[in-house]
Full PDB file with SEQRES, HELIX, SHEET, SSBOND, CRYST1, ORIGX, SCALE, CONECT and MASTER records, all heavy atoms in Angstrom:
SEQRES   1 A   43  SER MET CYS LEU LEU HIS ALA SER LEU THR GLU TYR VAL          
SEQRES   2 A   43  LEU LEU PHE GLY THR ALA VAL ASP THR GLY GLY HIS SER          
SEQRES   3 A   43  GLY ARG TYR TRP ALA ASP ILE SER ASN THR VAL ILE SER          
SEQRES   4 A   43  GLY THR PHE GLN                                              
SHEET    1 AA1 2 MET A   2  ALA A   7  0                                        
SHEET    2 AA1 2 TYR A  12  PHE A  16 -1                                        
CRYST1    1.000    1.000    1.000  90.00  90.00  90.00 P 1           1          
ORIGX1      1.000000  0.000000  0.000000        0.00000                         
ORIGX2      0.000000  1.000000  0.000000        0.00000                         
ORIGX3      0.000000  0.000000  1.000000        0.00000                         
SCALE1      1.000000  0.000000  0.000000        0.00000                         
SCALE2      0.000000  1.000000  0.000000        0.00000                         
SCALE3      0.000000  0.000000  1.000000        0.00000                         
ATOM      1  N   SER A   1      83.541  61.120  15.737  1.00  0.00           N  
ATOM      2  CA  SER A   1      83.838  61.982  14.595  1.00  0.00           C  
ATOM      3  C   SER A   1      84.099  61.100  13.383  1.00  0.00           C  
ATOM      4  O   SER A   1      84.679  60.015  13.509  1.00  0.00           O  
ATOM      5  CB  SER A   1      85.066  62.849  14.887  1.00  0.00           C  
ATOM      6  OG  SER A   1      85.289  63.761  13.820  1.00  0.00           O  
ATOM      7  N   MET A   2      83.670  61.548  12.234  1.00  0.00           N  
ATOM      8  CA  MET A   2      83.859  60.746  11.033  1.00  0.00           C  
ATOM      9  C   MET A   2      84.326  61.612   9.877  1.00  0.00           C  
ATOM     10  O   MET A   2      84.068  62.820   9.807  1.00  0.00           O  
ATOM     11  CB  MET A   2      82.593  59.982  10.668  1.00  0.00           C  
ATOM     12  CG  MET A   2      81.464  60.827  10.167  1.00  0.00           C  
ATOM     13  SD  MET A   2      81.404  60.880   8.370  1.00  0.00           S  
ATOM     14  CE  MET A   2      80.273  62.242   8.132  1.00  0.00           C  
ATOM     15  N   CYS A   3      85.021  60.951   8.940  1.00  0.00           N  
ATOM     16  CA  CYS A   3      85.499  61.598   7.727  1.00  0.00           C  
ATOM     17  C   CYS A   3      85.118  60.705   6.548  1.00  0.00           C  
ATOM     18  O   CYS A   3      85.627  59.587   6.419  1.00  0.00           O  
ATOM     19  CB  CYS A   3      87.016  61.794   7.784  1.00  0.00           C  
ATOM     20  SG  CYS A   3      87.721  62.539   6.289  1.00  0.00           S  
ATOM     21  N   LEU A   4      84.210  61.165   5.722  1.00  0.00           N  
ATOM     22  CA  LEU A   4      83.716  60.377   4.595  1.00  0.00           C  
ATOM     23  C   LEU A   4      84.740  60.353   3.467  1.00  0.00           C  
ATOM     24  O   LEU A   4      85.272  61.389   3.079  1.00  0.00           O  
ATOM     25  CB  LEU A   4      82.404  60.959   4.084  1.00  0.00           C  
ATOM     26  CG  LEU A   4      81.714  60.162   2.980  1.00  0.00           C  
ATOM     27  CD1 LEU A   4      81.095  58.894   3.550  1.00  0.00           C  
ATOM     28  CD2 LEU A   4      80.654  61.012   2.304  1.00  0.00           C  
ATOM     29  N   LEU A   5      85.003  59.160   2.933  1.00  0.00           N  
ATOM     30  CA  LEU A   5      85.906  59.008   1.795  1.00  0.00           C  
ATOM     31  C   LEU A   5      85.160  58.762   0.489  1.00  0.00           C  
ATOM     32  O   LEU A   5      85.560  59.243  -0.564  1.00  0.00           O  
ATOM     33  CB  LEU A   5      86.887  57.857   2.045  1.00  0.00           C  
ATOM     34  CG  LEU A   5      87.738  57.930   3.309  1.00  0.00           C  
ATOM     35  CD1 LEU A   5      88.685  56.743   3.372  1.00  0.00           C  
ATOM     36  CD2 LEU A   5      88.512  59.240   3.371  1.00  0.00           C  
ATOM     37  N   HIS A   6      84.080  57.982   0.576  1.00  0.00           N  
ATOM     38  CA  HIS A   6      83.309  57.637  -0.629  1.00  0.00           C  
ATOM     39  C   HIS A   6      81.880  57.340  -0.209  1.00  0.00           C  
ATOM     40  O   HIS A   6      81.635  56.753   0.838  1.00  0.00           O  
ATOM     41  CB  HIS A   6      83.902  56.394  -1.310  1.00  0.00           C  
ATOM     42  CG  HIS A   6      83.000  55.818  -2.366  1.00  0.00           C  
ATOM     43  ND1 HIS A   6      83.045  56.215  -3.684  1.00  0.00           N  
ATOM     44  CD2 HIS A   6      82.020  54.877  -2.292  1.00  0.00           C  
ATOM     45  CE1 HIS A   6      82.145  55.542  -4.380  1.00  0.00           C  
ATOM     46  NE2 HIS A   6      81.507  54.734  -3.559  1.00  0.00           N  
ATOM     47  N   ALA A   7      80.918  57.750  -1.059  1.00  0.00           N  
ATOM     48  CA  ALA A   7      79.522  57.391  -0.820  1.00  0.00           C  
ATOM     49  C   ALA A   7      78.773  57.348  -2.137  1.00  0.00           C  
ATOM     50  O   ALA A   7      78.974  58.201  -3.001  1.00  0.00           O  
ATOM     51  CB  ALA A   7      78.852  58.385   0.122  1.00  0.00           C  
ATOM     52  N   SER A   8      77.942  56.339  -2.302  1.00  0.00           N  
ATOM     53  CA  SER A   8      77.048  56.244  -3.452  1.00  0.00           C  
ATOM     54  C   SER A   8      75.700  55.800  -2.914  1.00  0.00           C  
ATOM     55  O   SER A   8      75.493  55.719  -1.697  1.00  0.00           O  
ATOM     56  CB  SER A   8      77.595  55.246  -4.479  1.00  0.00           C  
ATOM     57  OG  SER A   8      77.516  53.927  -3.982  1.00  0.00           O  
ATOM     58  N   LEU A   9      74.761  55.477  -3.805  1.00  0.00           N  
ATOM     59  CA  LEU A   9      73.439  55.066  -3.360  1.00  0.00           C  
ATOM     60  C   LEU A   9      73.460  53.726  -2.638  1.00  0.00           C  
ATOM     61  O   LEU A   9      72.515  53.394  -1.927  1.00  0.00           O  
ATOM     62  CB  LEU A   9      72.484  54.999  -4.550  1.00  0.00           C  
ATOM     63  CG  LEU A   9      72.144  56.348  -5.190  1.00  0.00           C  
ATOM     64  CD1 LEU A   9      71.252  56.136  -6.394  1.00  0.00           C  
ATOM     65  CD2 LEU A   9      71.496  57.277  -4.190  1.00  0.00           C  
ATOM     66  N   THR A  10      74.495  52.923  -2.816  1.00  0.00           N  
ATOM     67  CA  THR A  10      74.485  51.574  -2.254  1.00  0.00           C  
ATOM     68  C   THR A  10      75.679  51.249  -1.374  1.00  0.00           C  
ATOM     69  O   THR A  10      75.726  50.156  -0.798  1.00  0.00           O  
ATOM     70  CB  THR A  10      74.435  50.525  -3.389  1.00  0.00           C  
ATOM     71  OG1 THR A  10      75.501  50.778  -4.310  1.00  0.00           O  
ATOM     72  CG2 THR A  10      73.101  50.582  -4.122  1.00  0.00           C  
ATOM     73  N   GLU A  11      76.661  52.128  -1.250  1.00  0.00           N  
ATOM     74  CA  GLU A  11      77.832  51.803  -0.423  1.00  0.00           C  
ATOM     75  C   GLU A  11      78.536  53.077   0.018  1.00  0.00           C  
ATOM     76  O   GLU A  11      78.339  54.148  -0.564  1.00  0.00           O  
ATOM     77  CB  GLU A  11      78.811  50.916  -1.204  1.00  0.00           C  
ATOM     78  CG  GLU A  11      79.326  51.539  -2.487  1.00  0.00           C  
ATOM     79  CD  GLU A  11      80.231  50.610  -3.282  1.00  0.00           C  
ATOM     80  OE1 GLU A  11      80.948  49.801  -2.682  1.00  0.00           O  
ATOM     81  OE2 GLU A  11      80.200  50.711  -4.516  1.00  0.00           O  
ATOM     82  N   TYR A  12      79.345  52.931   1.073  1.00  0.00           N  
ATOM     83  CA  TYR A  12      80.152  54.061   1.529  1.00  0.00           C  
ATOM     84  C   TYR A  12      81.388  53.544   2.248  1.00  0.00           C  
ATOM     85  O   TYR A  12      81.428  52.400   2.730  1.00  0.00           O  
ATOM     86  CB  TYR A  12      79.342  54.987   2.449  1.00  0.00           C  
ATOM     87  CG  TYR A  12      78.994  54.384   3.788  1.00  0.00           C  
ATOM     88  CD1 TYR A  12      79.862  54.502   4.877  1.00  0.00           C  
ATOM     89  CD2 TYR A  12      77.795  53.704   3.976  1.00  0.00           C  
ATOM     90  CE1 TYR A  12      79.544  53.960   6.114  1.00  0.00           C  
ATOM     91  CE2 TYR A  12      77.476  53.156   5.204  1.00  0.00           C  
ATOM     92  CZ  TYR A  12      78.347  53.281   6.270  1.00  0.00           C  
ATOM     93  OH  TYR A  12      78.033  52.732   7.485  1.00  0.00           O  
ATOM     94  N   VAL A  13      82.419  54.385   2.321  1.00  0.00           N  
ATOM     95  CA  VAL A  13      83.651  54.108   3.059  1.00  0.00           C  
ATOM     96  C   VAL A  13      83.990  55.378   3.838  1.00  0.00           C  
ATOM     97  O   VAL A  13      83.940  56.475   3.281  1.00  0.00           O  
ATOM     98  CB  VAL A  13      84.823  53.744   2.123  1.00  0.00           C  
ATOM     99  CG1 VAL A  13      86.094  53.479   2.940  1.00  0.00           C  
ATOM    100  CG2 VAL A  13      84.480  52.530   1.280  1.00  0.00           C  
ATOM    101  N   LEU A  14      84.332  55.228   5.114  1.00  0.00           N  
ATOM    102  CA  LEU A  14      84.663  56.395   5.924  1.00  0.00           C  
ATOM    103  C   LEU A  14      85.624  56.019   7.042  1.00  0.00           C  
ATOM    104  O   LEU A  14      85.833  54.841   7.342  1.00  0.00           O  
ATOM    105  CB  LEU A  14      83.391  57.044   6.483  1.00  0.00           C  
ATOM    106  CG  LEU A  14      82.439  56.188   7.336  1.00  0.00           C  
ATOM    107  CD1 LEU A  14      82.898  56.116   8.786  1.00  0.00           C  
ATOM    108  CD2 LEU A  14      81.029  56.763   7.285  1.00  0.00           C  
ATOM    109  N   LEU A  15      86.199  57.055   7.637  1.00  0.00           N  
ATOM    110  CA  LEU A  15      87.054  56.922   8.811  1.00  0.00           C  
ATOM    111  C   LEU A  15      86.237  57.380  10.010  1.00  0.00           C  
ATOM    112  O   LEU A  15      85.485  58.350   9.925  1.00  0.00           O  
ATOM    113  CB  LEU A  15      88.306  57.784   8.663  1.00  0.00           C  
ATOM    114  CG  LEU A  15      89.069  57.645   7.336  1.00  0.00           C  
ATOM    115  CD1 LEU A  15      90.216  58.653   7.280  1.00  0.00           C  
ATOM    116  CD2 LEU A  15      89.584  56.219   7.156  1.00  0.00           C  
ATOM    117  N   PHE A  16      86.401  56.679  11.128  1.00  0.00           N  
ATOM    118  CA  PHE A  16      85.581  56.999  12.295  1.00  0.00           C  
ATOM    119  C   PHE A  16      86.385  56.786  13.563  1.00  0.00           C  
ATOM    120  O   PHE A  16      87.285  55.940  13.618  1.00  0.00           O  
ATOM    121  CB  PHE A  16      84.327  56.118  12.327  1.00  0.00           C  
ATOM    122  CG  PHE A  16      83.463  56.358  13.528  1.00  0.00           C  
ATOM    123  CD1 PHE A  16      82.595  57.427  13.562  1.00  0.00           C  
ATOM    124  CD2 PHE A  16      83.546  55.533  14.641  1.00  0.00           C  
ATOM    125  CE1 PHE A  16      81.813  57.675  14.680  1.00  0.00           C  
ATOM    126  CE2 PHE A  16      82.771  55.767  15.766  1.00  0.00           C  
ATOM    127  CZ  PHE A  16      81.899  56.851  15.784  1.00  0.00           C  
ATOM    128  N   GLY A  17      86.050  57.545  14.598  1.00  0.00           N  
ATOM    129  CA  GLY A  17      86.712  57.337  15.876  1.00  0.00           C  
ATOM    130  C   GLY A  17      86.330  58.379  16.898  1.00  0.00           C  
ATOM    131  O   GLY A  17      85.450  59.222  16.674  1.00  0.00           O  
ATOM    132  N   THR A  18      86.995  58.327  18.052  1.00  0.00           N  
ATOM    133  CA  THR A  18      86.714  59.250  19.140  1.00  0.00           C  
ATOM    134  C   THR A  18      87.982  59.530  19.931  1.00  0.00           C  
ATOM    135  O   THR A  18      88.820  58.635  20.107  1.00  0.00           O  
ATOM    136  CB  THR A  18      85.625  58.695  20.075  1.00  0.00           C  
ATOM    137  OG1 THR A  18      85.454  59.580  21.186  1.00  0.00           O  
ATOM    138  CG2 THR A  18      85.993  57.314  20.586  1.00  0.00           C  
ATOM    139  N   ALA A  19      88.102  60.749  20.397  1.00  0.00           N  
ATOM    140  CA  ALA A  19      89.245  61.126  21.224  1.00  0.00           C  
ATOM    141  C   ALA A  19      88.933  61.005  22.707  1.00  0.00           C  
ATOM    142  O   ALA A  19      89.817  61.216  23.538  1.00  0.00           O  
ATOM    143  CB  ALA A  19      89.672  62.554  20.902  1.00  0.00           C  
ATOM    144  N   VAL A  20      87.672  60.677  23.050  1.00  0.00           N  
ATOM    145  CA  VAL A  20      87.272  60.526  24.449  1.00  0.00           C  
ATOM    146  C   VAL A  20      86.490  59.223  24.612  1.00  0.00           C  
ATOM    147  O   VAL A  20      85.991  58.656  23.636  1.00  0.00           O  
ATOM    148  CB  VAL A  20      86.405  61.716  24.915  1.00  0.00           C  
ATOM    149  CG1 VAL A  20      87.183  63.022  24.805  1.00  0.00           C  
ATOM    150  CG2 VAL A  20      85.122  61.804  24.101  1.00  0.00           C  
ATOM    151  N   ASP A  21      86.373  58.752  25.843  1.00  0.00           N  
ATOM    152  CA  ASP A  21      85.543  57.571  26.101  1.00  0.00           C  
ATOM    153  C   ASP A  21      84.090  57.900  25.777  1.00  0.00           C  
ATOM    154  O   ASP A  21      83.576  58.960  26.159  1.00  0.00           O  
ATOM    155  CB  ASP A  21      85.650  57.153  27.570  1.00  0.00           C  
ATOM    156  CG  ASP A  21      87.049  56.688  27.950  1.00  0.00           C  
ATOM    157  OD1 ASP A  21      87.750  56.170  27.067  1.00  0.00           O  
ATOM    158  OD2 ASP A  21      87.425  56.847  29.127  1.00  0.00           O  
ATOM    159  N   THR A  22      83.417  56.993  25.076  1.00  0.00           N  
ATOM    160  CA  THR A  22      82.020  57.213  24.734  1.00  0.00           C  
ATOM    161  C   THR A  22      81.338  55.878  24.481  1.00  0.00           C  
ATOM    162  O   THR A  22      81.998  54.875  24.183  1.00  0.00           O  
ATOM    163  CB  THR A  22      81.891  58.125  23.494  1.00  0.00           C  
ATOM    164  OG1 THR A  22      80.519  58.483  23.310  1.00  0.00           O  
ATOM    165  CG2 THR A  22      82.408  57.435  22.236  1.00  0.00           C  
ATOM    166  N   GLY A  23      80.021  55.842  24.583  1.00  0.00           N  
ATOM    167  CA  GLY A  23      79.281  54.604  24.367  1.00  0.00           C  
ATOM    168  C   GLY A  23      77.789  54.848  24.374  1.00  0.00           C  
ATOM    169  O   GLY A  23      77.306  55.925  24.740  1.00  0.00           O  
ATOM    170  N   GLY A  24      77.026  53.848  23.945  1.00  0.00           N  
ATOM    171  CA  GLY A  24      75.573  53.950  23.905  1.00  0.00           C  
ATOM    172  C   GLY A  24      74.962  52.864  23.039  1.00  0.00           C  
ATOM    173  O   GLY A  24      75.472  51.745  22.961  1.00  0.00           O  
ATOM    174  N   HIS A  25      73.887  53.199  22.346  1.00  0.00           N  
ATOM    175  CA  HIS A  25      73.140  52.267  21.498  1.00  0.00           C  
ATOM    176  C   HIS A  25      73.621  52.375  20.057  1.00  0.00           C  
ATOM    177  O   HIS A  25      73.811  53.478  19.541  1.00  0.00           O  
ATOM    178  CB  HIS A  25      71.643  52.599  21.568  1.00  0.00           C  
ATOM    179  CG  HIS A  25      70.750  51.556  20.968  1.00  0.00           C  
ATOM    180  ND1 HIS A  25      70.583  51.422  19.613  1.00  0.00           N  
ATOM    181  CD2 HIS A  25      69.971  50.605  21.544  1.00  0.00           C  
ATOM    182  CE1 HIS A  25      69.731  50.432  19.367  1.00  0.00           C  
ATOM    183  NE2 HIS A  25      69.339  49.928  20.529  1.00  0.00           N  
ATOM    184  N   SER A  26      73.815  51.240  19.415  1.00  0.00           N  
ATOM    185  CA  SER A  26      74.353  51.240  18.051  1.00  0.00           C  
ATOM    186  C   SER A  26      73.359  51.772  17.026  1.00  0.00           C  
ATOM    187  O   SER A  26      73.737  52.398  16.037  1.00  0.00           O  
ATOM    188  CB  SER A  26      74.759  49.824  17.642  1.00  0.00           C  
ATOM    189  OG  SER A  26      73.601  48.992  17.536  1.00  0.00           O  
ATOM    190  N   GLY A  27      72.061  51.511  17.252  1.00  0.00           N  
ATOM    191  CA  GLY A  27      71.057  51.769  16.225  1.00  0.00           C  
ATOM    192  C   GLY A  27      70.859  50.540  15.364  1.00  0.00           C  
ATOM    193  O   GLY A  27      71.647  49.596  15.408  1.00  0.00           O  
ATOM    194  N   ARG A  28      69.779  50.529  14.593  1.00  0.00           N  
ATOM    195  CA  ARG A  28      69.493  49.446  13.650  1.00  0.00           C  
ATOM    196  C   ARG A  28      69.509  50.030  12.241  1.00  0.00           C  
ATOM    197  O   ARG A  28      68.965  51.103  12.010  1.00  0.00           O  
ATOM    198  CB  ARG A  28      68.122  48.818  13.920  1.00  0.00           C  
ATOM    199  CG  ARG A  28      67.949  48.214  15.300  1.00  0.00           C  
ATOM    200  CD  ARG A  28      66.556  47.628  15.449  1.00  0.00           C  
ATOM    201  NE  ARG A  28      66.234  47.341  16.824  1.00  0.00           N  
ATOM    202  CZ  ARG A  28      66.416  46.155  17.413  1.00  0.00           C  
ATOM    203  NH1 ARG A  28      66.928  45.162  16.706  1.00  0.00           N  
ATOM    204  NH2 ARG A  28      66.095  45.969  18.672  1.00  0.00           N  
ATOM    205  N   TYR A  29      70.097  49.274  11.295  1.00  0.00           N  
ATOM    206  CA  TYR A  29      70.269  49.811   9.944  1.00  0.00           C  
ATOM    207  C   TYR A  29      69.830  48.787   8.899  1.00  0.00           C  
ATOM    208  O   TYR A  29      69.888  47.590   9.129  1.00  0.00           O  
ATOM    209  CB  TYR A  29      71.734  50.184   9.698  1.00  0.00           C  
ATOM    210  CG  TYR A  29      72.323  51.037  10.790  1.00  0.00           C  
ATOM    211  CD1 TYR A  29      73.242  50.512  11.694  1.00  0.00           C  
ATOM    212  CD2 TYR A  29      71.949  52.358  10.929  1.00  0.00           C  
ATOM    213  CE1 TYR A  29      73.769  51.294  12.712  1.00  0.00           C  
ATOM    214  CE2 TYR A  29      72.468  53.149  11.932  1.00  0.00           C  
ATOM    215  CZ  TYR A  29      73.387  52.612  12.815  1.00  0.00           C  
ATOM    216  OH  TYR A  29      73.890  53.385  13.817  1.00  0.00           O  
ATOM    217  N   TRP A  30      69.418  49.299   7.751  1.00  0.00           N  
ATOM    218  CA  TRP A  30      69.140  48.440   6.604  1.00  0.00           C  
ATOM    219  C   TRP A  30      70.412  48.321   5.780  1.00  0.00           C  
ATOM    220  O   TRP A  30      70.420  48.532   4.578  1.00  0.00           O  
ATOM    221  CB  TRP A  30      68.010  49.027   5.765  1.00  0.00           C  
ATOM    222  CG  TRP A  30      66.671  48.907   6.419  1.00  0.00           C  
ATOM    223  CD1 TRP A  30      66.401  48.427   7.678  1.00  0.00           C  
ATOM    224  CD2 TRP A  30      65.415  49.260   5.856  1.00  0.00           C  
ATOM    225  NE1 TRP A  30      65.070  48.475   7.936  1.00  0.00           N  
ATOM    226  CE2 TRP A  30      64.429  48.978   6.830  1.00  0.00           C  
ATOM    227  CE3 TRP A  30      65.025  49.797   4.631  1.00  0.00           C  
ATOM    228  CZ2 TRP A  30      63.070  49.209   6.609  1.00  0.00           C  
ATOM    229  CZ3 TRP A  30      63.684  50.032   4.417  1.00  0.00           C  
ATOM    230  CH2 TRP A  30      62.720  49.736   5.388  1.00  0.00           C  
ATOM    231  N   ALA A  31      71.482  47.984   6.425  1.00  0.00           N  
ATOM    232  CA  ALA A  31      72.778  47.878   5.754  1.00  0.00           C  
ATOM    233  C   ALA A  31      73.680  46.973   6.578  1.00  0.00           C  
ATOM    234  O   ALA A  31      73.524  46.857   7.802  1.00  0.00           O  
ATOM    235  CB  ALA A  31      73.417  49.246   5.599  1.00  0.00           C  
ATOM    236  N   ASP A  32      74.622  46.316   5.904  1.00  0.00           N  
ATOM    237  CA  ASP A  32      75.690  45.563   6.575  1.00  0.00           C  
ATOM    238  C   ASP A  32      76.879  46.493   6.727  1.00  0.00           C  
ATOM    239  O   ASP A  32      77.353  47.066   5.740  1.00  0.00           O  
ATOM    240  CB  ASP A  32      76.072  44.325   5.761  1.00  0.00           C  
ATOM    241  CG  ASP A  32      74.946  43.292   5.709  1.00  0.00           C  
ATOM    242  OD1 ASP A  32      74.161  43.239   6.665  1.00  0.00           O  
ATOM    243  OD2 ASP A  32      74.859  42.554   4.719  1.00  0.00           O  
ATOM    244  N   ILE A  33      77.369  46.643   7.945  1.00  0.00           N  
ATOM    245  CA  ILE A  33      78.442  47.592   8.239  1.00  0.00           C  
ATOM    246  C   ILE A  33      79.601  46.851   8.887  1.00  0.00           C  
ATOM    247  O   ILE A  33      79.397  46.035   9.794  1.00  0.00           O  
ATOM    248  CB  ILE A  33      77.945  48.700   9.179  1.00  0.00           C  
ATOM    249  CG1 ILE A  33      76.767  49.442   8.534  1.00  0.00           C  
ATOM    250  CG2 ILE A  33      79.070  49.668   9.519  1.00  0.00           C  
ATOM    251  CD1 ILE A  33      76.073  50.400   9.471  1.00  0.00           C  
ATOM    252  N   SER A  34      80.819  47.110   8.415  1.00  0.00           N  
ATOM    253  CA  SER A  34      82.009  46.506   9.018  1.00  0.00           C  
ATOM    254  C   SER A  34      82.977  47.604   9.439  1.00  0.00           C  
ATOM    255  O   SER A  34      83.134  48.605   8.743  1.00  0.00           O  
ATOM    256  CB  SER A  34      82.689  45.543   8.037  1.00  0.00           C  
ATOM    257  OG  SER A  34      83.239  46.252   6.942  1.00  0.00           O  
ATOM    258  N   ASN A  35      83.600  47.416  10.596  1.00  0.00           N  
ATOM    259  CA  ASN A  35      84.586  48.359  11.127  1.00  0.00           C  
ATOM    260  C   ASN A  35      85.852  47.593  11.483  1.00  0.00           C  
ATOM    261  O   ASN A  35      85.777  46.547  12.145  1.00  0.00           O  
ATOM    262  CB  ASN A  35      84.051  49.052  12.378  1.00  0.00           C  
ATOM    263  CG  ASN A  35      82.926  50.011  12.071  1.00  0.00           C  
ATOM    264  OD1 ASN A  35      83.147  51.167  11.759  1.00  0.00           O  
ATOM    265  ND2 ASN A  35      81.692  49.524  12.161  1.00  0.00           N  
ATOM    266  N   THR A  36      86.993  48.100  11.071  1.00  0.00           N  
ATOM    267  CA  THR A  36      88.282  47.506  11.432  1.00  0.00           C  
ATOM    268  C   THR A  36      89.044  48.508  12.292  1.00  0.00           C  
ATOM    269  O   THR A  36      89.239  49.660  11.896  1.00  0.00           O  
ATOM    270  CB  THR A  36      89.093  47.144  10.183  1.00  0.00           C  
ATOM    271  OG1 THR A  36      88.340  46.222   9.390  1.00  0.00           O  
ATOM    272  CG2 THR A  36      90.414  46.501  10.581  1.00  0.00           C  
ATOM    273  N   VAL A  37      89.462  48.036  13.473  1.00  0.00           N  
ATOM    274  CA  VAL A  37      90.084  48.920  14.452  1.00  0.00           C  
ATOM    275  C   VAL A  37      91.534  49.215  14.061  1.00  0.00           C  
ATOM    276  O   VAL A  37      92.306  48.306  13.757  1.00  0.00           O  
ATOM    277  CB  VAL A  37      90.041  48.284  15.858  1.00  0.00           C  
ATOM    278  CG1 VAL A  37      90.677  49.220  16.886  1.00  0.00           C  
ATOM    279  CG2 VAL A  37      88.603  47.942  16.245  1.00  0.00           C  
ATOM    280  N   ILE A  38      91.894  50.496  14.068  1.00  0.00           N  
ATOM    281  CA  ILE A  38      93.270  50.936  13.809  1.00  0.00           C  
ATOM    282  C   ILE A  38      94.018  51.128  15.123  1.00  0.00           C  
ATOM    283  O   ILE A  38      95.171  50.716  15.280  1.00  0.00           O  
ATOM    284  CB  ILE A  38      93.286  52.250  13.005  1.00  0.00           C  
ATOM    285  CG1 ILE A  38      92.652  52.034  11.618  1.00  0.00           C  
ATOM    286  CG2 ILE A  38      94.714  52.776  12.859  1.00  0.00           C  
ATOM    287  CD1 ILE A  38      93.413  51.085  10.726  1.00  0.00           C  
ATOM    288  N   SER A  39      93.350  51.759  16.091  1.00  0.00           N  
ATOM    289  CA  SER A  39      93.965  51.986  17.399  1.00  0.00           C  
ATOM    290  C   SER A  39      92.881  51.995  18.464  1.00  0.00           C  
ATOM    291  O   SER A  39      91.696  52.195  18.159  1.00  0.00           O  
ATOM    292  CB  SER A  39      94.738  53.310  17.415  1.00  0.00           C  
ATOM    293  OG  SER A  39      93.846  54.398  17.221  1.00  0.00           O  
ATOM    294  N   GLY A  40      93.283  51.786  19.729  1.00  0.00           N  
ATOM    295  CA  GLY A  40      92.322  51.802  20.827  1.00  0.00           C  
ATOM    296  C   GLY A  40      91.579  50.490  20.961  1.00  0.00           C  
ATOM    297  O   GLY A  40      91.987  49.453  20.423  1.00  0.00           O  
ATOM    298  N   THR A  41      90.455  50.523  21.668  1.00  0.00           N  
ATOM    299  CA  THR A  41      89.639  49.320  21.882  1.00  0.00           C  
ATOM    300  C   THR A  41      88.164  49.650  21.683  1.00  0.00           C  
ATOM    301  O   THR A  41      87.719  50.771  21.967  1.00  0.00           O  
ATOM    302  CB  THR A  41      89.830  48.749  23.300  1.00  0.00           C  
ATOM    303  OG1 THR A  41      89.468  49.746  24.271  1.00  0.00           O  
ATOM    304  CG2 THR A  41      91.266  48.300  23.515  1.00  0.00           C  
ATOM    305  N   PHE A  42      87.443  48.654  21.217  1.00  0.00           N  
ATOM    306  CA  PHE A  42      86.002  48.791  20.993  1.00  0.00           C  
ATOM    307  C   PHE A  42      85.306  47.620  21.682  1.00  0.00           C  
ATOM    308  O   PHE A  42      85.689  46.465  21.499  1.00  0.00           O  
ATOM    309  CB  PHE A  42      85.693  48.778  19.494  1.00  0.00           C  
ATOM    310  CG  PHE A  42      84.224  48.750  19.170  1.00  0.00           C  
ATOM    311  CD1 PHE A  42      83.456  49.892  19.294  1.00  0.00           C  
ATOM    312  CD2 PHE A  42      83.613  47.586  18.733  1.00  0.00           C  
ATOM    313  CE1 PHE A  42      82.106  49.872  18.995  1.00  0.00           C  
ATOM    314  CE2 PHE A  42      82.270  47.554  18.416  1.00  0.00           C  
ATOM    315  CZ  PHE A  42      81.509  48.709  18.553  1.00  0.00           C  
ATOM    316  N   GLN A  43      84.283  47.926  22.474  1.00  0.00           N  
ATOM    317  CA  GLN A  43      83.544  46.887  23.198  1.00  0.00           C  
ATOM    318  C   GLN A  43      82.111  46.844  22.693  1.00  0.00           C  
ATOM    319  O   GLN A  43      81.473  47.889  22.516  1.00  0.00           O  
ATOM    320  CB  GLN A  43      83.563  47.158  24.701  1.00  0.00           C  
ATOM    321  CG  GLN A  43      82.987  46.011  25.536  1.00  0.00           C  
ATOM    322  CD  GLN A  43      83.226  46.215  27.026  1.00  0.00           C  
ATOM    323  OE1 GLN A  43      83.691  47.275  27.463  1.00  0.00           O  
ATOM    324  NE2 GLN A  43      82.930  45.215  27.818  1.00  0.00           N  
TER     325      GLN A  43                                                      
MASTER        0    0    0    0    2    0    0    6  324    1    0    4          
END                                                                             
């Protein structure tokens, strides 16, 4: 689930997470993406 805070043609900021265990393929993007963990674990 995600909550968008800001988006323009070249950048965005959002909140993201899950209340259940989940996983799969990340996908490939024409963008550099960074995520900083607030709680839980990410593998």
